[in-house]
N, C-alpha and C. Protein backbone atom coordinates (compact mmCIF):
# COMPACT_ATOMS: atom_id res chain seq x y z
N UNK A 1 -16.26 19.70 9.98
CA UNK A 1 -15.01 19.54 10.21
C UNK A 1 -14.48 18.83 11.80
N UNK A 2 -15.47 19.80 12.20
CA UNK A 2 -15.38 19.61 13.72
C UNK A 2 -16.21 18.96 14.44
N UNK A 3 -17.27 18.56 13.66
CA UNK A 3 -17.95 17.84 14.25
C UNK A 3 -17.57 15.86 13.99
N UNK A 4 -17.41 16.24 13.09
CA UNK A 4 -16.09 14.83 12.73
C UNK A 4 -14.78 14.77 13.14
N UNK A 5 -13.94 15.62 13.55
CA UNK A 5 -13.37 15.76 15.06
C UNK A 5 -14.14 15.25 16.51
N UNK A 6 -15.09 16.06 16.27
CA UNK A 6 -15.48 15.92 17.40
C UNK A 6 -16.42 14.12 17.85
N UNK A 7 -16.94 13.27 17.00
CA UNK A 7 -16.54 12.05 16.95
C UNK A 7 -15.86 10.68 16.80
N UNK A 8 -15.01 11.37 16.58
CA UNK A 8 -13.66 9.88 16.17
C UNK A 8 -13.36 9.99 17.34
N UNK A 9 -13.11 11.51 18.94
CA UNK A 9 -12.88 11.99 19.86
C UNK A 9 -13.30 10.89 20.70
N UNK A 10 -15.04 10.73 19.64
CA UNK A 10 -15.87 9.58 21.16
C UNK A 10 -15.62 8.71 21.13
N UNK A 11 -15.62 8.09 19.48
CA UNK A 11 -14.54 7.11 19.21
C UNK A 11 -14.15 6.33 20.19
N UNK A 12 -13.24 7.42 20.23
CA UNK A 12 -11.60 6.86 20.82
C UNK A 12 -11.18 6.99 22.18
N UNK A 13 -12.69 8.09 22.48
CA UNK A 13 -12.78 7.72 24.20
C UNK A 13 -13.76 6.60 24.90
N UNK A 14 -14.51 5.63 23.79
CA UNK A 14 -14.84 4.54 24.28
C UNK A 14 -14.11 3.73 23.76
N UNK A 15 -13.07 3.22 22.36
CA UNK A 15 -12.59 1.89 22.71
C UNK A 15 -11.47 2.14 24.02
N UNK A 16 -11.30 3.79 24.39
CA UNK A 16 -10.54 3.25 25.54
C UNK A 16 -10.55 2.71 26.50
N UNK A 17 -12.12 3.54 27.33
CA UNK A 17 -13.04 3.23 27.93
C UNK A 17 -12.85 1.17 28.00
N UNK A 18 -13.42 1.24 26.60
CA UNK A 18 -13.38 -1.06 26.40
C UNK A 18 -11.80 -1.60 27.24
N UNK A 19 -11.54 -1.04 26.27
CA UNK A 19 -9.75 -1.18 27.05
C UNK A 19 -9.54 -1.90 27.85
N UNK A 20 -9.61 -0.60 28.19
CA UNK A 20 -9.54 -0.18 30.25
C UNK A 20 -10.18 -1.08 31.28
N UNK A 21 -11.36 -1.28 30.78
CA UNK A 21 -11.80 -2.18 31.57
C UNK A 21 -11.92 -3.93 30.83
N UNK A 22 -12.05 -4.33 29.74
CA UNK A 22 -11.10 -5.55 29.70
C UNK A 22 -10.06 -5.94 29.84
N UNK A 23 -8.78 -4.83 29.36
CA UNK A 23 -7.28 -5.54 30.52
C UNK A 23 -8.09 -6.04 32.59
N UNK A 24 -8.51 -5.08 32.81
CA UNK A 24 -8.85 -5.06 33.41
C UNK A 24 -9.31 -6.30 34.10
N UNK A 25 -10.80 -6.84 32.96
CA UNK A 25 -11.67 -7.81 33.56
C UNK A 25 -10.13 -8.60 33.73
N UNK A 26 -9.74 -8.99 32.66
CA UNK A 26 -8.55 -9.48 31.62
C UNK A 26 -7.67 -10.08 32.83
N UNK A 27 -7.17 -9.39 33.73
CA UNK A 27 -6.58 -8.77 34.42
C UNK A 27 -6.74 -9.86 35.91
N UNK A 28 -7.98 -9.56 36.08
CA UNK A 28 -7.93 -10.18 37.38
C UNK A 28 -8.26 -11.74 36.98
N UNK A 29 -9.35 -11.93 36.13
CA UNK A 29 -9.46 -13.13 36.27
C UNK A 29 -8.65 -14.30 35.47
N UNK A 30 -7.35 -13.58 35.51
CA UNK A 30 -5.78 -13.91 34.77
C UNK A 30 -4.99 -14.65 35.69
N UNK A 31 -4.85 -13.64 36.52
CA UNK A 31 -4.68 -13.77 38.09
C UNK A 31 -4.84 -14.72 39.09
N UNK A 32 -6.06 -15.01 39.02
CA UNK A 32 -6.56 -15.68 39.65
C UNK A 32 -7.17 -16.57 39.71
N UNK A 33 -6.93 -17.33 38.13
CA UNK A 33 -6.90 -18.68 37.65
C UNK A 33 -6.41 -19.03 37.23
N UNK A 34 -5.17 -18.82 35.51
CA UNK A 34 -4.23 -18.95 35.42
C UNK A 34 -3.12 -19.62 35.98
N UNK A 35 -2.51 -20.62 35.71
CA UNK A 35 -1.41 -21.07 36.30
C UNK A 35 -1.86 -21.47 37.50
N UNK A 36 -2.95 -21.34 38.64
CA UNK A 36 -3.20 -21.53 39.66
C UNK A 36 -3.69 -23.44 39.88
N UNK A 37 -3.61 -24.80 39.71
CA UNK A 37 -3.60 -26.03 39.91
C UNK A 37 -5.14 -25.69 40.91
N UNK A 38 -5.28 -25.45 42.03
CA UNK A 38 -6.32 -25.00 42.47
C UNK A 38 -7.30 -24.31 42.27
N UNK A 39 -7.56 -23.85 40.94
CA UNK A 39 -8.49 -22.48 40.23
C UNK A 39 -8.96 -23.68 38.84
N UNK A 40 -10.30 -22.99 39.62
CA UNK A 40 -10.89 -24.05 38.33
C UNK A 40 -11.78 -22.53 37.66
N UNK A 41 -12.40 -22.22 36.37
CA UNK A 41 -13.74 -21.47 35.69
C UNK A 41 -14.30 -22.84 34.67
N UNK A 42 -15.66 -22.14 36.07
CA UNK A 42 -17.07 -23.58 35.29
C UNK A 42 -16.27 -24.99 34.91
N UNK A 43 -15.01 -25.11 35.56
CA UNK A 43 -14.53 -26.73 35.55
C UNK A 43 -13.59 -26.87 34.03
N UNK A 44 -13.14 -25.60 34.03
CA UNK A 44 -12.20 -25.68 33.25
C UNK A 44 -10.49 -24.64 33.76
N UNK A 45 -9.43 -25.00 33.65
CA UNK A 45 -8.38 -24.62 34.12
C UNK A 45 -7.69 -24.24 33.00
N UNK A 46 -6.41 -23.18 33.35
CA UNK A 46 -5.73 -23.02 32.38
C UNK A 46 -4.27 -22.42 32.84
N UNK A 47 -2.97 -23.53 31.49
CA UNK A 47 -1.44 -23.35 31.85
C UNK A 47 -0.89 -23.09 31.06
N UNK A 48 0.08 -22.42 31.31
CA UNK A 48 1.50 -21.58 29.93
C UNK A 48 1.86 -22.73 29.63
N UNK A 49 2.23 -22.97 28.68
CA UNK A 49 3.02 -24.09 28.34
C UNK A 49 4.78 -23.33 28.47
N UNK A 50 4.92 -24.14 28.93
CA UNK A 50 6.76 -23.52 29.67
C UNK A 50 7.70 -24.30 28.45
N UNK A 51 7.39 -25.16 27.66
CA UNK A 51 8.52 -25.75 26.99
C UNK A 51 7.76 -26.15 25.50
N UNK A 52 8.75 -26.82 24.38
CA UNK A 52 8.65 -26.94 23.23
C UNK A 52 8.02 -28.67 22.85
N UNK A 53 7.85 -28.94 24.27
CA UNK A 53 8.26 -30.68 24.46
C UNK A 53 6.98 -31.05 23.60
N UNK A 54 6.19 -30.33 22.74
CA UNK A 54 4.31 -30.87 22.63
C UNK A 54 3.89 -30.68 21.71
N UNK A 55 5.50 -29.64 20.80
CA UNK A 55 5.61 -28.79 18.98
C UNK A 55 5.62 -29.07 17.98
N UNK A 56 5.47 -30.70 18.29
CA UNK A 56 5.88 -31.68 16.73
C UNK A 56 4.96 -31.99 16.23
N UNK A 57 3.45 -31.50 17.44
CA UNK A 57 1.61 -32.16 17.67
C UNK A 57 0.93 -31.51 17.73
N UNK A 58 1.13 -30.52 18.90
CA UNK A 58 -0.31 -29.86 19.66
C UNK A 58 0.04 -28.71 19.95
N UNK A 59 0.79 -28.10 20.63
CA UNK A 59 0.77 -26.81 20.99
C UNK A 59 2.18 -26.08 21.19
N UNK A 60 2.90 -25.15 21.50
CA UNK A 60 4.12 -24.42 21.81
C UNK A 60 4.48 -24.50 23.03
N UNK A 61 5.66 -23.70 23.44
CA UNK A 61 5.97 -22.98 24.36
C UNK A 61 4.88 -21.30 24.23
N UNK A 62 5.05 -20.73 25.41
CA UNK A 62 3.83 -19.88 25.21
C UNK A 62 2.79 -19.57 24.58
N UNK A 63 2.29 -20.83 24.55
CA UNK A 63 0.87 -21.58 24.08
C UNK A 63 0.08 -21.21 25.67
N UNK A 64 -0.85 -21.25 25.48
CA UNK A 64 -1.84 -21.23 26.36
C UNK A 64 -3.29 -22.51 26.74
N UNK A 65 -2.58 -23.26 27.27
CA UNK A 65 -4.05 -24.55 27.02
C UNK A 65 -5.11 -24.71 27.86
N UNK A 66 -5.36 -25.08 27.64
CA UNK A 66 -7.34 -24.49 28.14
C UNK A 66 -7.03 -26.63 28.91
N UNK A 67 -7.39 -26.48 30.03
CA UNK A 67 -7.65 -28.45 30.42
C UNK A 67 -9.49 -28.10 31.04
N UNK A 68 -9.94 -30.11 31.24
CA UNK A 68 -10.39 -29.62 31.64
C UNK A 68 -10.78 -31.00 32.79
N UNK A 69 -11.74 -30.91 33.84
CA UNK A 69 -11.59 -31.59 35.20
C UNK A 69 -12.25 -32.79 34.81
N UNK A 70 -11.56 -33.81 35.29
CA UNK A 70 -12.43 -35.30 34.63
C UNK A 70 -12.08 -35.86 35.50
N UNK A 71 -12.74 -36.93 35.55
CA UNK A 71 -12.24 -38.34 36.58
C UNK A 71 -10.69 -38.52 36.05
N UNK A 72 -9.96 -39.71 36.57
CA UNK A 72 -8.44 -39.46 35.53
C UNK A 72 -8.46 -41.41 35.31
N UNK A 73 -9.91 -41.72 36.33
CA UNK A 73 -10.29 -43.27 35.31
C UNK A 73 -10.99 -43.43 34.44
N UNK A 74 -11.29 -42.30 33.86
CA UNK A 74 -12.12 -42.21 32.67
C UNK A 74 -10.48 -42.10 31.45
N UNK A 75 -10.05 -41.11 31.83
CA UNK A 75 -8.37 -41.02 30.77
C UNK A 75 -8.34 -42.59 29.84
N UNK A 76 -8.08 -42.38 28.95
CA UNK A 76 -7.48 -42.99 28.07
C UNK A 76 -5.97 -42.39 27.08
N UNK A 77 -5.55 -43.41 27.15
CA UNK A 77 -4.03 -43.59 25.84
C UNK A 77 -4.76 -43.05 25.13
N UNK A 78 -3.54 -42.01 24.60
CA UNK A 78 -3.67 -40.66 23.73
C UNK A 78 -3.93 -39.70 24.10
N UNK A 79 -4.66 -39.79 24.84
CA UNK A 79 -5.52 -38.32 25.61
C UNK A 79 -4.28 -37.80 26.24
N UNK A 80 -3.95 -36.02 26.30
CA UNK A 80 -3.44 -34.95 26.48
C UNK A 80 -4.02 -34.47 27.89
N UNK A 81 -2.75 -34.53 29.01
CA UNK A 81 -3.70 -34.37 30.38
C UNK A 81 -2.32 -32.93 30.82
N UNK A 82 -2.66 -32.08 31.65
CA UNK A 82 -2.16 -31.22 32.57
C UNK A 82 -1.80 -32.85 33.85
N UNK A 83 -0.61 -32.51 34.22
CA UNK A 83 -0.19 -32.50 35.56
C UNK A 83 0.82 -32.03 36.32
N UNK A 84 0.82 -31.79 37.95
CA UNK A 84 1.40 -31.12 38.37
C UNK A 84 3.64 -32.69 38.23
N UNK A 85 4.28 -32.05 38.22
CA UNK A 85 5.25 -32.86 37.28
C UNK A 85 6.10 -33.56 38.72
N UNK A 86 6.26 -34.73 38.95
CA UNK A 86 7.26 -35.08 39.64
C UNK A 86 8.52 -35.15 39.44
N UNK A 87 9.04 -35.10 38.82
CA UNK A 87 9.94 -35.61 37.59
C UNK A 87 11.02 -34.69 38.63
N UNK A 88 12.35 -35.05 38.83
CA UNK A 88 14.10 -34.11 38.87
C UNK A 88 14.12 -32.91 38.70
N UNK A 89 13.92 -32.89 37.42
CA UNK A 89 13.86 -31.48 36.05
C UNK A 89 13.49 -30.85 36.93
N UNK A 90 12.29 -30.74 36.72
CA UNK A 90 11.34 -29.47 36.56
C UNK A 90 9.84 -29.84 38.00
N UNK A 91 10.34 -30.68 39.03
CA UNK A 91 9.06 -30.89 39.94
C UNK A 91 8.39 -29.31 40.09
N UNK A 92 7.58 -30.03 39.80
CA UNK A 92 6.48 -28.88 41.02
C UNK A 92 5.83 -27.93 40.35
N UNK A 93 6.17 -28.22 38.93
CA UNK A 93 6.10 -28.16 37.20
C UNK A 93 4.77 -28.75 36.56
N UNK A 94 4.15 -27.51 35.81
CA UNK A 94 2.76 -27.85 34.89
C UNK A 94 3.19 -28.10 34.30
N UNK A 95 2.72 -30.06 33.50
CA UNK A 95 3.26 -29.96 32.42
C UNK A 95 2.17 -31.13 31.72
N UNK A 96 1.80 -30.35 30.30
CA UNK A 96 0.90 -30.99 30.03
C UNK A 96 1.71 -32.25 28.40
N UNK A 97 1.01 -33.39 28.72
CA UNK A 97 1.52 -34.17 27.88
C UNK A 97 0.68 -35.77 27.81
N UNK A 98 1.13 -36.39 26.52
CA UNK A 98 0.25 -37.46 25.83
C UNK A 98 0.44 -38.49 27.02
N UNK A 99 -0.87 -39.28 26.97
CA UNK A 99 -0.89 -40.44 27.19
C UNK A 99 -0.38 -41.89 26.78
N UNK A 100 0.70 -42.34 26.90
CA UNK A 100 0.97 -43.70 26.16
C UNK A 100 0.57 -44.72 26.75
N UNK A 101 0.42 -45.22 28.43
CA UNK A 101 0.29 -46.50 28.42
C UNK A 101 -0.46 -46.24 29.88
N UNK A 102 -1.23 -46.94 30.59
CA UNK A 102 -2.02 -46.93 31.21
C UNK A 102 -1.38 -47.77 32.27
N UNK A 103 -0.82 -48.03 33.78
CA UNK A 103 0.23 -48.46 34.52
C UNK A 103 -0.24 -48.03 35.79
N UNK A 104 0.64 -48.71 36.90
CA UNK A 104 0.35 -48.56 38.14
C UNK A 104 2.17 -47.97 38.72
N UNK A 105 2.04 -47.13 39.54
CA UNK A 105 3.67 -47.34 40.30
C UNK A 105 3.97 -47.57 40.90
N UNK A 106 5.19 -47.80 41.60
CA UNK A 106 5.94 -48.76 42.68
C UNK A 106 5.18 -49.23 43.73
N UNK A 107 4.16 -48.12 44.12
CA UNK A 107 3.44 -49.26 44.90
C UNK A 107 1.82 -49.33 44.69
N UNK A 108 1.80 -49.54 43.29
CA UNK A 108 0.12 -50.04 43.40
C UNK A 108 -0.68 -48.69 42.68
N UNK A 109 0.24 -47.09 42.80
CA UNK A 109 -1.41 -46.61 42.73
C UNK A 109 -1.08 -46.20 41.03
N UNK A 110 -2.31 -46.76 40.80
CA UNK A 110 -3.13 -46.38 39.19
C UNK A 110 -2.16 -45.07 38.89
N UNK A 111 -1.86 -45.22 37.44
CA UNK A 111 -1.54 -43.78 37.28
C UNK A 111 -1.13 -44.24 35.64
N UNK A 112 -0.22 -43.01 34.70
CA UNK A 112 -0.25 -43.15 33.08
C UNK A 112 0.94 -42.98 33.30
N UNK A 113 1.39 -43.51 32.99
CA UNK A 113 3.43 -43.37 31.27
C UNK A 113 3.39 -42.18 30.27
N UNK A 114 3.66 -41.33 30.48
CA UNK A 114 3.06 -39.64 29.71
C UNK A 114 4.25 -39.20 28.84
N UNK A 115 4.59 -38.82 27.90
CA UNK A 115 5.55 -38.19 26.83
C UNK A 115 5.21 -37.46 26.08
N UNK A 116 6.23 -36.36 26.06
CA UNK A 116 6.76 -35.56 25.21
C UNK A 116 6.36 -35.97 23.68
N UNK A 117 5.79 -35.47 22.85
CA UNK A 117 5.54 -36.03 21.49
C UNK A 117 6.99 -35.50 21.24
N UNK A 118 7.54 -34.35 20.69
CA UNK A 118 8.37 -33.60 20.55
C UNK A 118 9.97 -34.67 19.95
N UNK A 119 10.58 -35.58 21.76
CA UNK A 119 10.86 -36.14 21.81
C UNK A 119 11.07 -37.38 21.83
N UNK A 120 9.42 -38.20 22.24
CA UNK A 120 8.82 -39.24 22.37
C UNK A 120 9.73 -39.95 23.06
N UNK A 121 9.66 -39.31 24.38
CA UNK A 121 10.62 -39.70 25.55
C UNK A 121 9.37 -39.85 26.80
N UNK A 122 9.80 -40.88 27.16
CA UNK A 122 8.53 -41.22 28.42
C UNK A 122 9.31 -40.11 28.93
N UNK A 123 8.13 -39.53 30.56
CA UNK A 123 8.27 -39.31 31.53
C UNK A 123 9.26 -39.64 32.85
N UNK A 124 9.91 -38.71 33.16
CA UNK A 124 10.23 -40.11 34.88
C UNK A 124 9.56 -40.36 35.70
N UNK A 125 8.93 -39.97 35.66
CA UNK A 125 7.71 -40.19 37.06
C UNK A 125 6.29 -40.78 36.58
N UNK A 126 5.57 -41.93 36.83
CA UNK A 126 4.54 -42.97 36.92
C UNK A 126 3.49 -41.10 37.53
N UNK A 127 2.29 -40.26 36.73
CA UNK A 127 1.90 -39.73 37.24
C UNK A 127 0.24 -40.24 37.17
N UNK A 128 0.76 -39.86 38.94
CA UNK A 128 -0.77 -40.93 39.94
C UNK A 128 -2.20 -40.28 39.65
N UNK A 129 -3.44 -40.43 39.95
CA UNK A 129 -4.43 -39.72 40.01
C UNK A 129 -4.55 -38.36 40.84
N UNK A 130 -3.80 -38.20 41.43
CA UNK A 130 -3.64 -37.25 42.91
C UNK A 130 -3.53 -36.00 42.02
N UNK A 131 -2.25 -35.78 41.13
CA UNK A 131 -1.56 -35.26 40.34
C UNK A 131 -1.87 -34.69 39.06
N UNK A 132 -3.10 -35.40 38.28
CA UNK A 132 -3.80 -35.20 36.75
C UNK A 132 -4.86 -34.09 38.09
N UNK A 133 -4.03 -32.80 36.21
CA UNK A 133 -5.14 -31.78 36.82
C UNK A 133 -6.28 -31.24 35.70
N UNK A 134 -6.19 -32.42 34.79
CA UNK A 134 -7.06 -31.86 33.53
C UNK A 134 -6.62 -32.68 32.62
N UNK A 135 -7.90 -32.82 31.79
CA UNK A 135 -7.97 -33.30 30.00
C UNK A 135 -8.11 -32.26 28.97
N UNK A 136 -6.22 -32.50 28.14
CA UNK A 136 -6.51 -30.73 27.27
C UNK A 136 -7.86 -30.83 26.22
N UNK A 137 -7.94 -30.22 26.24
CA UNK A 137 -9.60 -29.66 25.21
C UNK A 137 -9.06 -28.47 23.80
N UNK A 138 -7.89 -27.30 24.35
CA UNK A 138 -7.91 -26.45 23.61
C UNK A 138 -6.61 -25.99 23.76
N UNK A 139 -6.07 -24.89 22.67
CA UNK A 139 -5.37 -24.11 23.14
C UNK A 139 -5.55 -22.93 22.28
N UNK A 140 -4.56 -21.75 22.62
CA UNK A 140 -4.50 -20.81 22.61
C UNK A 140 -2.48 -20.21 22.42
N UNK A 141 -2.83 -19.90 21.23
CA UNK A 141 -1.30 -19.53 20.27
C UNK A 141 -0.97 -18.63 20.90
N UNK A 142 0.09 -18.36 22.21
CA UNK A 142 1.12 -16.98 22.47
C UNK A 142 0.37 -16.30 23.36
N UNK A 143 -0.83 -16.25 23.54
CA UNK A 143 -1.79 -16.12 25.04
C UNK A 143 -0.95 -16.44 26.33
N UNK A 144 -0.15 -17.23 26.42
CA UNK A 144 0.49 -17.56 27.45
C UNK A 144 1.75 -16.86 27.76
N UNK A 145 2.23 -16.37 26.90
CA UNK A 145 3.02 -15.38 26.56
C UNK A 145 3.20 -13.62 26.39
N UNK A 146 1.78 -13.57 26.16
CA UNK A 146 0.69 -12.08 26.32
C UNK A 146 0.57 -12.08 28.46
N UNK A 147 -0.02 -12.94 28.56
CA UNK A 147 -0.26 -13.62 30.46
C UNK A 147 1.69 -13.28 30.76
N UNK A 148 2.57 -13.60 30.60
CA UNK A 148 3.71 -13.55 31.02
C UNK A 148 4.28 -12.20 31.33
N UNK A 149 3.96 -11.46 30.20
CA UNK A 149 4.41 -10.36 29.87
C UNK A 149 3.48 -9.26 30.58
N UNK A 150 1.94 -9.44 30.69
CA UNK A 150 1.26 -8.57 31.13
C UNK A 150 1.73 -8.74 33.10
N UNK A 151 2.41 -9.69 33.62
CA UNK A 151 2.37 -9.87 35.26
C UNK A 151 3.94 -9.31 35.50
N UNK A 152 4.86 -8.71 33.96
CA UNK A 152 6.08 -7.71 34.44
C UNK A 152 5.87 -6.39 34.32
N UNK A 153 6.94 -5.82 35.41
CA UNK A 153 6.33 -4.75 35.17
C UNK A 153 6.50 -3.32 33.94
N UNK A 154 6.82 -3.56 33.11
CA UNK A 154 6.73 -3.02 31.84
C UNK A 154 5.12 -3.59 31.27
N UNK A 155 5.08 -4.44 31.34
CA UNK A 155 3.52 -5.19 30.86
C UNK A 155 2.10 -4.38 32.10
N UNK A 156 2.47 -4.43 32.86
CA UNK A 156 1.75 -3.70 33.80
C UNK A 156 1.19 -1.90 33.13
N UNK A 157 2.70 -1.45 33.22
CA UNK A 157 2.31 0.04 32.58
C UNK A 157 2.18 -0.16 30.95
N UNK A 158 2.25 -1.20 30.71
CA UNK A 158 2.43 -1.09 28.94
C UNK A 158 1.04 -1.01 28.82
N UNK A 159 -0.25 -1.62 29.59
CA UNK A 159 -0.98 -3.06 29.40
C UNK A 159 -2.38 -2.23 29.83
N UNK A 160 -1.73 -1.59 31.19
CA UNK A 160 -2.36 -1.29 31.96
C UNK A 160 -2.49 0.25 33.42
N UNK A 161 -1.48 0.52 33.32
CA UNK A 161 -1.30 1.73 33.56
C UNK A 161 -1.64 2.62 33.21
N UNK A 162 -0.85 2.94 31.50
CA UNK A 162 -0.88 4.06 30.55
C UNK A 162 -2.61 4.47 30.03
N UNK A 163 -2.77 3.38 29.92
CA UNK A 163 -4.94 3.37 28.83
C UNK A 163 -4.94 3.92 29.98
N UNK A 164 -4.98 3.85 31.09
CA UNK A 164 -6.34 4.46 32.33
C UNK A 164 -5.81 6.07 32.67
N UNK A 165 -4.98 5.53 32.71
CA UNK A 165 -3.91 7.21 32.59
C UNK A 165 -3.71 8.19 31.42
N UNK A 166 -4.31 7.12 30.52
CA UNK A 166 -4.46 8.35 29.11
C UNK A 166 -6.41 8.39 29.56
N UNK A 167 -7.12 7.24 29.74
CA UNK A 167 -8.36 7.78 30.50
C UNK A 167 -8.88 8.49 31.13
N UNK A 168 -8.25 8.93 31.88
CA UNK A 168 -8.21 9.67 33.27
C UNK A 168 -7.71 11.08 32.94
N UNK A 169 -6.78 11.37 32.21
CA UNK A 169 -5.95 12.43 30.93
C UNK A 169 -7.41 13.07 30.02
N UNK A 170 -7.86 12.19 29.95
CA UNK A 170 -9.43 12.74 28.56
C UNK A 170 -10.40 12.69 29.42
N UNK A 171 -10.75 12.17 30.61
CA UNK A 171 -12.02 13.24 31.17
C UNK A 171 -11.88 13.76 31.91
N UNK A 172 -10.61 14.07 32.37
CA UNK A 172 -10.14 15.55 33.15
C UNK A 172 -9.77 16.57 31.70
N UNK A 173 -9.58 16.48 31.01
CA UNK A 173 -9.18 17.01 29.93
C UNK A 173 -10.86 18.37 29.09
N UNK A 174 -11.74 16.72 29.62
CA UNK A 174 -13.14 17.00 28.96
C UNK A 174 -13.49 18.19 30.49
N UNK A 175 -13.70 17.07 31.49
CA UNK A 175 -14.34 17.97 32.38
C UNK A 175 -13.27 19.41 32.68
N UNK A 176 -12.40 19.99 31.98
CA UNK A 176 -12.01 21.52 32.53
C UNK A 176 -12.80 22.21 31.75
N UNK A 177 -12.71 21.81 29.94
CA UNK A 177 -13.55 21.98 29.07
C UNK A 177 -15.07 22.03 29.32
N UNK A 178 -15.66 21.23 29.89
CA UNK A 178 -16.90 22.33 30.02
C UNK A 178 -17.00 22.65 31.18
N UNK A 179 -15.98 23.11 32.26
CA UNK A 179 -16.01 24.26 33.35
C UNK A 179 -15.81 25.19 32.86
N UNK A 180 -14.97 24.65 31.42
CA UNK A 180 -14.44 26.60 30.60
C UNK A 180 -15.76 27.34 30.17
N UNK A 181 -17.01 25.39 29.61
CA UNK A 181 -17.68 26.35 28.38
C UNK A 181 -18.75 26.93 29.27
N UNK A 182 -19.21 26.91 30.98
CA UNK A 182 -20.43 27.14 31.74
C UNK A 182 -19.81 28.23 32.04
N UNK A 183 -18.30 28.22 32.24
CA UNK A 183 -18.27 29.66 33.33
C UNK A 183 -18.00 30.81 31.81
N UNK A 184 -18.13 30.29 30.15
CA UNK A 184 -18.36 31.43 29.30
C UNK A 184 -19.62 31.23 28.85
N UNK A 185 -20.50 29.95 29.52
CA UNK A 185 -22.39 30.51 29.31
C UNK A 185 -22.89 31.32 30.67
N UNK A 186 -21.78 31.49 31.80
CA UNK A 186 -22.51 31.74 32.93
C UNK A 186 -22.09 33.59 32.40
N UNK A 187 -20.99 33.84 31.63
CA UNK A 187 -20.87 35.37 31.27
C UNK A 187 -21.65 35.69 30.72
N UNK A 188 -21.96 34.94 29.36
CA UNK A 188 -23.24 35.42 28.27
C UNK A 188 -24.71 35.62 28.36
N UNK A 189 -24.81 34.69 29.49
CA UNK A 189 -25.82 34.75 30.40
C UNK A 189 -25.90 36.35 31.19
N UNK A 190 -24.38 37.00 31.71
CA UNK A 190 -24.62 37.88 32.72
C UNK A 190 -24.50 39.04 31.53
N UNK A 191 -23.58 39.21 31.08
CA UNK A 191 -23.86 39.64 29.61
C UNK A 191 -25.35 40.30 28.74
N UNK A 192 -26.21 39.40 28.69
CA UNK A 192 -27.92 39.31 28.26
C UNK A 192 -28.04 40.39 28.85
N UNK A 193 -28.13 39.58 30.26
CA UNK A 193 -28.72 40.13 31.50
C UNK A 193 -28.49 41.67 31.60
N UNK A 194 -26.91 42.26 31.73
CA UNK A 194 -26.53 43.30 31.77
C UNK A 194 -27.15 44.26 30.15
N UNK A 195 -27.38 43.63 28.91
CA UNK A 195 -27.60 44.58 27.39
C UNK A 195 -29.64 44.58 28.32
N UNK A 196 -29.85 43.56 28.33
CA UNK A 196 -31.51 43.60 29.06
C UNK A 196 -31.74 44.93 29.99
N UNK A 197 -30.93 45.21 31.02
CA UNK A 197 -31.38 46.26 31.87
C UNK A 197 -30.61 47.38 31.20
N UNK A 198 -29.43 47.15 30.65
CA UNK A 198 -29.34 49.07 29.41
C UNK A 198 -30.64 48.86 28.88
N UNK A 199 -31.08 48.42 28.00
CA UNK A 199 -31.99 48.76 27.39
C UNK A 199 -33.16 48.94 28.23
N UNK A 200 -33.61 48.45 28.54
CA UNK A 200 -35.01 48.39 30.29
C UNK A 200 -34.40 49.83 30.62
N UNK A 201 -33.91 50.17 30.40
CA UNK A 201 -33.49 51.76 31.07
C UNK A 201 -33.21 52.58 30.96
N UNK A 202 -32.71 52.76 28.61
CA UNK A 202 -32.89 53.61 28.20
C UNK A 202 -34.46 53.73 27.99
N UNK A 203 -35.60 52.75 27.74
CA UNK A 203 -36.55 52.38 27.87
C UNK A 203 -37.24 53.89 28.30
N UNK A 204 -37.55 53.42 30.17
CA UNK A 204 -37.40 53.97 30.41
C UNK A 204 -37.34 55.49 30.54
N UNK A 205 -35.55 55.81 30.72
CA UNK A 205 -35.19 56.68 30.04
C UNK A 205 -36.28 57.59 28.77
N UNK A 206 -36.48 56.92 28.59
CA UNK A 206 -37.26 57.62 26.93
C UNK A 206 -38.94 58.48 27.10
N UNK A 207 -39.85 56.99 28.01
CA UNK A 207 -41.09 57.24 28.73
C UNK A 207 -40.51 58.41 29.20
N UNK A 208 -39.74 58.81 29.98
CA UNK A 208 -40.03 59.98 31.39
C UNK A 208 -39.13 61.08 30.63
N UNK A 209 -38.55 60.65 29.58
CA UNK A 209 -38.92 61.98 28.69
C UNK A 209 -39.71 62.61 27.62
N UNK A 210 -40.11 61.51 27.49
CA UNK A 210 -41.87 61.90 26.96
C UNK A 210 -42.54 62.26 27.32
N UNK A 211 -43.02 61.79 29.19
CA UNK A 211 -44.00 62.24 29.91
C UNK A 211 -43.24 64.24 30.55
N UNK A 212 -41.97 63.78 30.30
CA UNK A 212 -42.03 65.26 30.21
C UNK A 212 -42.27 66.35 29.57
N UNK A 213 -42.23 66.26 28.45
CA UNK A 213 -42.31 67.09 27.56
C UNK A 213 -43.78 66.56 27.51
N UNK A 214 -44.81 66.01 27.34
CA UNK A 214 -46.38 66.42 28.16
C UNK A 214 -46.54 67.32 29.25
N UNK A 215 -45.87 67.13 29.78
CA UNK A 215 -46.08 67.72 31.09
C UNK A 215 -45.84 69.53 30.93
N UNK A 216 -45.00 69.73 29.95
CA UNK A 216 -44.29 70.87 29.65
C UNK A 216 -45.25 71.50 27.74
N UNK A 217 -45.98 71.10 27.78
CA UNK A 217 -47.36 71.43 26.45
C UNK A 217 -48.48 71.58 27.47
N UNK A 218 -48.52 71.18 28.46
CA UNK A 218 -49.73 70.93 29.10
C UNK A 218 -49.60 73.17 29.91
């Protein structure tokens, strides 16, 4: 039973280590990559969906969309793109919408008329090439919600701080136990040496008595 408990404890410790390291790596990557228009990983970017404007066909608010860096000139009608919004209601935010039409803006710059499939309403401003962040490739349902939670104080405490504290606590307990076992082994060794010395002393006394008796007989 004790052996089974030890195995379970080791498995739990390994899982906790993997979880802690994984969360740390995920946090570092996400903070430095997700929702950063100037950052990419192997040519891909990740953005959190902020609204349900595409929920009728593709993804919902809280999902994480993965987009690929592409030459805007290669984009076609029907492609879904992420772009930095120039619309008055969400200026500067990252929007991922579908291309309805290839066009130009008022100054003759090439761009796209985009829309959300939920409302089927065209976006306010033409999306010109400099504001295109990439072409939509896939989405990860609700991963964005987890990332947003991770950036909050409760998320940090639950997902990062507590696992690391548990890991440190378990290692501390393990270290204390090793110290106790080492101390017990040391005490046991001292006890064995004392017993060995006592036996040797008794043997010497016995031999001395035998020698004395032999001398008396002579």
